[in-house]
Each structure stands twice: as structure tokens, then as C-alpha cells.
Amino acid sequence: MALIKCRECGKEISSEATSCPNCGAPVKEDEIKKEIKAGIKIGKKIAIIFIIALLLIIVVAFIFGYFIPSHTYVTKDSNGEYVEEFRLF
């Protein structure tokens, strides 16, 4: 337990107090709200990064699939029959 100064009146109060006994100003409630807001901001940033990464993967996959030509070759097998064979490269 440490002593901290009240933001409103400046008196020293316990760090575990929920409000200042002198003026009644809330102590921990403000800190909790700040932590929640910071957590939400971090969550939003992670979600945005995830969406951008997913879109990048989709775009790269589309470009790879569209611009890389696929080839179909017709060859004869050992029985003399024609067989179509698909090769990516």
C-alpha cells in the first residue's frame, strides 16, 4: 500500500482507496477506464492489421493465379493413348 496524491484536493490517500476520503474524488475508476480504453485501442489496431494482412494475401493469391499461366500438355502414355497433363510451370 502506497500513498498517492488526490488529483482534486492534493491530499495524500491510500493507493487502494476507491475515492478520496477528503473530497470524494474517484481514484481507481479513472485508471480502470483508461486501461479499458487503451485495451480497446490495441484491439482495434490488431484487427486493422489482421484485415490488411488478409486483404494482402487475397490480392497476392489473385495476382499469382491470374498472371501465372497454366499449361496443359498432351502426351502419350505407355499404351499409346493420349493423356492430358496439367502443369503449373
N, C-alpha and C. Protein backbone atom coordinates (compact mmCIF):
# COMPACT_ATOMS: atom_id res chain seq x y z
N MET A 1 0.84 -1.16 0.00
CA MET A 1 0.00 0.00 0.00
C MET A 1 0.90 1.24 0.00
N ALA A 2 0.67 2.10 -0.95
CA ALA A 2 1.45 3.33 -1.06
C ALA A 2 0.52 4.52 -0.93
N LEU A 3 1.13 5.64 -0.61
CA LEU A 3 0.36 6.88 -0.52
C LEU A 3 0.51 7.64 -1.83
N ILE A 4 -0.63 8.07 -2.36
CA ILE A 4 -0.63 8.87 -3.59
C ILE A 4 -1.38 10.15 -3.32
N LYS A 5 -1.18 11.14 -4.20
CA LYS A 5 -1.87 12.42 -4.03
C LYS A 5 -3.19 12.37 -4.79
N CYS A 6 -4.21 12.93 -4.19
CA CYS A 6 -5.52 13.04 -4.83
C CYS A 6 -5.41 14.05 -5.96
N ARG A 7 -6.03 13.76 -7.07
CA ARG A 7 -5.98 14.67 -8.22
C ARG A 7 -6.78 15.94 -7.98
N GLU A 8 -7.77 15.86 -7.15
CA GLU A 8 -8.64 17.01 -6.91
C GLU A 8 -8.12 17.93 -5.81
N CYS A 9 -7.90 17.35 -4.61
CA CYS A 9 -7.55 18.21 -3.47
C CYS A 9 -6.07 18.19 -3.12
N GLY A 10 -5.30 17.21 -3.63
CA GLY A 10 -3.87 17.16 -3.37
C GLY A 10 -3.47 16.47 -2.07
N LYS A 11 -4.44 16.02 -1.28
CA LYS A 11 -4.12 15.32 -0.03
C LYS A 11 -3.60 13.92 -0.33
N GLU A 12 -2.81 13.38 0.59
CA GLU A 12 -2.29 12.03 0.42
C GLU A 12 -3.35 11.02 0.84
N ILE A 13 -3.54 10.00 -0.03
CA ILE A 13 -4.51 8.95 0.25
C ILE A 13 -3.90 7.61 -0.10
N SER A 14 -4.54 6.56 0.34
CA SER A 14 -4.06 5.20 0.06
C SER A 14 -4.25 4.89 -1.42
N SER A 15 -3.29 4.14 -1.98
CA SER A 15 -3.40 3.75 -3.39
C SER A 15 -4.50 2.71 -3.60
N GLU A 16 -4.96 2.09 -2.53
CA GLU A 16 -6.02 1.08 -2.64
C GLU A 16 -7.41 1.68 -2.43
N ALA A 17 -7.49 2.97 -2.13
CA ALA A 17 -8.78 3.62 -1.91
C ALA A 17 -9.50 3.79 -3.24
N THR A 18 -10.83 3.66 -3.21
CA THR A 18 -11.60 3.86 -4.44
C THR A 18 -11.97 5.32 -4.64
N SER A 19 -11.96 6.09 -3.54
CA SER A 19 -12.22 7.53 -3.64
C SER A 19 -11.48 8.24 -2.52
N CYS A 20 -11.27 9.52 -2.71
CA CYS A 20 -10.56 10.33 -1.71
C CYS A 20 -11.48 10.53 -0.48
N PRO A 21 -11.00 10.22 0.74
CA PRO A 21 -11.83 10.42 1.93
C PRO A 21 -12.06 11.90 2.24
N ASN A 22 -11.20 12.76 1.70
CA ASN A 22 -11.31 14.19 1.97
C ASN A 22 -12.34 14.87 1.06
N CYS A 23 -12.19 14.67 -0.27
CA CYS A 23 -13.08 15.37 -1.20
C CYS A 23 -14.04 14.45 -1.94
N GLY A 24 -13.81 13.13 -1.87
CA GLY A 24 -14.71 12.16 -2.52
C GLY A 24 -14.42 11.90 -3.99
N ALA A 25 -13.34 12.46 -4.52
CA ALA A 25 -13.00 12.25 -5.93
C ALA A 25 -12.62 10.78 -6.17
N PRO A 26 -13.11 10.18 -7.25
CA PRO A 26 -12.76 8.79 -7.52
C PRO A 26 -11.28 8.65 -7.87
N VAL A 27 -10.69 7.55 -7.39
CA VAL A 27 -9.26 7.32 -7.62
C VAL A 27 -9.05 6.24 -8.67
N LYS A 28 -9.51 5.06 -8.40
CA LYS A 28 -9.24 3.93 -9.28
C LYS A 28 -10.15 3.88 -10.50
N GLU A 29 -11.30 4.45 -10.42
CA GLU A 29 -12.25 4.39 -11.52
C GLU A 29 -11.67 5.01 -12.78
N ASP A 30 -10.98 6.15 -12.62
CA ASP A 30 -10.36 6.79 -13.77
C ASP A 30 -9.28 5.91 -14.39
N GLU A 31 -8.49 5.28 -13.53
CA GLU A 31 -7.42 4.42 -14.01
C GLU A 31 -7.99 3.21 -14.74
N ILE A 32 -9.05 2.64 -14.23
CA ILE A 32 -9.67 1.49 -14.86
C ILE A 32 -10.23 1.86 -16.22
N LYS A 33 -10.89 3.02 -16.31
CA LYS A 33 -11.42 3.48 -17.59
C LYS A 33 -10.30 3.69 -18.61
N LYS A 34 -9.17 4.25 -18.16
CA LYS A 34 -8.04 4.47 -19.06
C LYS A 34 -7.48 3.14 -19.58
N GLU A 35 -7.39 2.15 -18.68
CA GLU A 35 -6.89 0.83 -19.09
C GLU A 35 -7.83 0.17 -20.09
N ILE A 36 -9.13 0.30 -19.89
CA ILE A 36 -10.10 -0.28 -20.81
C ILE A 36 -10.00 0.39 -22.17
N LYS A 37 -9.90 1.73 -22.19
CA LYS A 37 -9.78 2.45 -23.45
C LYS A 37 -8.49 2.05 -24.18
N ALA A 38 -7.40 1.90 -23.43
CA ALA A 38 -6.13 1.50 -24.04
C ALA A 38 -6.24 0.10 -24.62
N GLY A 39 -6.93 -0.80 -23.92
CA GLY A 39 -7.12 -2.16 -24.42
C GLY A 39 -7.95 -2.19 -25.68
N ILE A 40 -8.98 -1.35 -25.75
CA ILE A 40 -9.83 -1.27 -26.94
C ILE A 40 -9.02 -0.74 -28.12
N LYS A 41 -8.19 0.28 -27.87
CA LYS A 41 -7.37 0.83 -28.94
C LYS A 41 -6.41 -0.22 -29.49
N ILE A 42 -5.80 -0.99 -28.61
CA ILE A 42 -4.88 -2.04 -29.05
C ILE A 42 -5.64 -3.11 -29.83
N GLY A 43 -6.83 -3.46 -29.37
CA GLY A 43 -7.65 -4.45 -30.07
C GLY A 43 -8.03 -3.98 -31.47
N LYS A 44 -8.36 -2.69 -31.60
CA LYS A 44 -8.71 -2.14 -32.91
C LYS A 44 -7.50 -2.16 -33.84
N LYS A 45 -6.34 -1.83 -33.31
CA LYS A 45 -5.12 -1.84 -34.13
C LYS A 45 -4.81 -3.24 -34.63
N ILE A 46 -4.95 -4.22 -33.76
CA ILE A 46 -4.69 -5.61 -34.15
C ILE A 46 -5.69 -6.05 -35.20
N ALA A 47 -6.96 -5.67 -35.05
CA ALA A 47 -7.98 -6.04 -36.04
C ALA A 47 -7.68 -5.40 -37.39
N ILE A 48 -7.27 -4.15 -37.39
CA ILE A 48 -6.94 -3.47 -38.65
C ILE A 48 -5.75 -4.13 -39.32
N ILE A 49 -4.72 -4.46 -38.55
CA ILE A 49 -3.54 -5.13 -39.11
C ILE A 49 -3.93 -6.49 -39.68
N PHE A 50 -4.79 -7.22 -38.98
CA PHE A 50 -5.23 -8.54 -39.45
C PHE A 50 -6.00 -8.41 -40.76
N ILE A 51 -6.89 -7.44 -40.86
CA ILE A 51 -7.68 -7.25 -42.08
C ILE A 51 -6.78 -6.86 -43.25
N ILE A 52 -5.82 -5.97 -43.01
CA ILE A 52 -4.90 -5.57 -44.08
C ILE A 52 -4.07 -6.77 -44.54
N ALA A 53 -3.58 -7.57 -43.60
CA ALA A 53 -2.80 -8.75 -43.96
C ALA A 53 -3.63 -9.74 -44.77
N LEU A 54 -4.87 -9.93 -44.37
CA LEU A 54 -5.76 -10.85 -45.09
C LEU A 54 -6.03 -10.35 -46.51
N LEU A 55 -6.29 -9.06 -46.66
CA LEU A 55 -6.51 -8.49 -47.99
C LEU A 55 -5.26 -8.61 -48.85
N LEU A 56 -4.10 -8.41 -48.26
CA LEU A 56 -2.85 -8.56 -49.00
C LEU A 56 -2.68 -9.99 -49.49
N ILE A 57 -2.99 -10.96 -48.65
CA ILE A 57 -2.88 -12.37 -49.05
C ILE A 57 -3.83 -12.67 -50.20
N ILE A 58 -5.05 -12.13 -50.12
CA ILE A 58 -6.03 -12.36 -51.18
C ILE A 58 -5.56 -11.74 -52.49
N VAL A 59 -5.03 -10.52 -52.43
CA VAL A 59 -4.55 -9.85 -53.64
C VAL A 59 -3.38 -10.60 -54.25
N VAL A 60 -2.44 -11.04 -53.43
CA VAL A 60 -1.29 -11.80 -53.94
C VAL A 60 -1.74 -13.12 -54.55
N ALA A 61 -2.68 -13.79 -53.92
CA ALA A 61 -3.19 -15.05 -54.47
C ALA A 61 -3.89 -14.82 -55.80
N PHE A 62 -4.64 -13.73 -55.92
CA PHE A 62 -5.31 -13.42 -57.19
C PHE A 62 -4.28 -13.13 -58.27
N ILE A 63 -3.29 -12.31 -57.95
CA ILE A 63 -2.25 -11.99 -58.94
C ILE A 63 -1.51 -13.25 -59.35
N PHE A 64 -1.16 -14.10 -58.40
CA PHE A 64 -0.46 -15.33 -58.71
C PHE A 64 -1.31 -16.22 -59.62
N GLY A 65 -2.58 -16.34 -59.30
CA GLY A 65 -3.46 -17.20 -60.10
C GLY A 65 -3.79 -16.62 -61.46
N TYR A 66 -3.79 -15.32 -61.59
CA TYR A 66 -4.19 -14.68 -62.84
C TYR A 66 -3.02 -14.57 -63.81
N PHE A 67 -1.87 -14.20 -63.32
CA PHE A 67 -0.75 -13.92 -64.21
C PHE A 67 0.18 -15.10 -64.46
N ILE A 68 0.16 -16.10 -63.64
CA ILE A 68 0.99 -17.27 -63.87
C ILE A 68 0.21 -18.20 -64.80
N PRO A 69 0.70 -18.41 -66.00
CA PRO A 69 -0.06 -19.25 -66.94
C PRO A 69 -0.02 -20.72 -66.54
N SER A 70 -1.12 -21.36 -66.72
CA SER A 70 -1.14 -22.80 -66.50
C SER A 70 -1.06 -23.47 -67.86
N HIS A 71 -0.48 -24.61 -67.91
CA HIS A 71 -0.26 -25.30 -69.17
C HIS A 71 -0.86 -26.71 -69.12
N THR A 72 -1.47 -27.06 -70.19
CA THR A 72 -1.98 -28.42 -70.34
C THR A 72 -1.21 -29.06 -71.49
N TYR A 73 -0.59 -30.17 -71.21
CA TYR A 73 0.20 -30.87 -72.21
C TYR A 73 -0.50 -32.17 -72.57
N VAL A 74 -0.43 -32.52 -73.81
CA VAL A 74 -0.97 -33.79 -74.28
C VAL A 74 0.22 -34.68 -74.58
N THR A 75 0.25 -35.82 -73.91
CA THR A 75 1.34 -36.77 -74.11
C THR A 75 0.76 -38.16 -74.31
N LYS A 76 1.61 -39.04 -74.80
CA LYS A 76 1.21 -40.44 -74.95
C LYS A 76 1.73 -41.23 -73.76
N ASP A 77 0.88 -42.09 -73.26
CA ASP A 77 1.35 -42.95 -72.18
C ASP A 77 1.95 -44.22 -72.78
N SER A 78 2.28 -45.18 -71.95
CA SER A 78 2.95 -46.40 -72.41
C SER A 78 2.05 -47.26 -73.29
N ASN A 79 0.72 -47.09 -73.20
CA ASN A 79 -0.21 -47.86 -74.02
C ASN A 79 -0.48 -47.19 -75.37
N GLY A 80 0.09 -46.03 -75.59
CA GLY A 80 -0.12 -45.32 -76.84
C GLY A 80 -1.35 -44.43 -76.83
N GLU A 81 -1.97 -44.26 -75.68
CA GLU A 81 -3.15 -43.41 -75.58
C GLU A 81 -2.73 -41.98 -75.22
N TYR A 82 -3.51 -41.02 -75.71
CA TYR A 82 -3.22 -39.62 -75.40
C TYR A 82 -3.77 -39.27 -74.03
N VAL A 83 -2.94 -38.59 -73.25
CA VAL A 83 -3.30 -38.21 -71.89
C VAL A 83 -3.02 -36.72 -71.72
N GLU A 84 -4.03 -36.00 -71.21
CA GLU A 84 -3.81 -34.59 -70.91
C GLU A 84 -3.18 -34.47 -69.53
N GLU A 85 -2.17 -33.64 -69.47
CA GLU A 85 -1.44 -33.48 -68.22
C GLU A 85 -1.37 -31.99 -67.90
N PHE A 86 -1.75 -31.62 -66.69
CA PHE A 86 -1.73 -30.23 -66.26
C PHE A 86 -0.46 -29.96 -65.48
N ARG A 87 0.24 -28.91 -65.88
CA ARG A 87 1.44 -28.48 -65.16
C ARG A 87 1.33 -26.98 -64.88
N LEU A 88 1.66 -26.59 -63.69
CA LEU A 88 1.58 -25.17 -63.34
C LEU A 88 2.73 -24.40 -63.97
N PHE A 89 3.92 -24.98 -63.96
CA PHE A 89 5.10 -24.28 -64.52
C PHE A 89 5.70 -25.08 -65.65
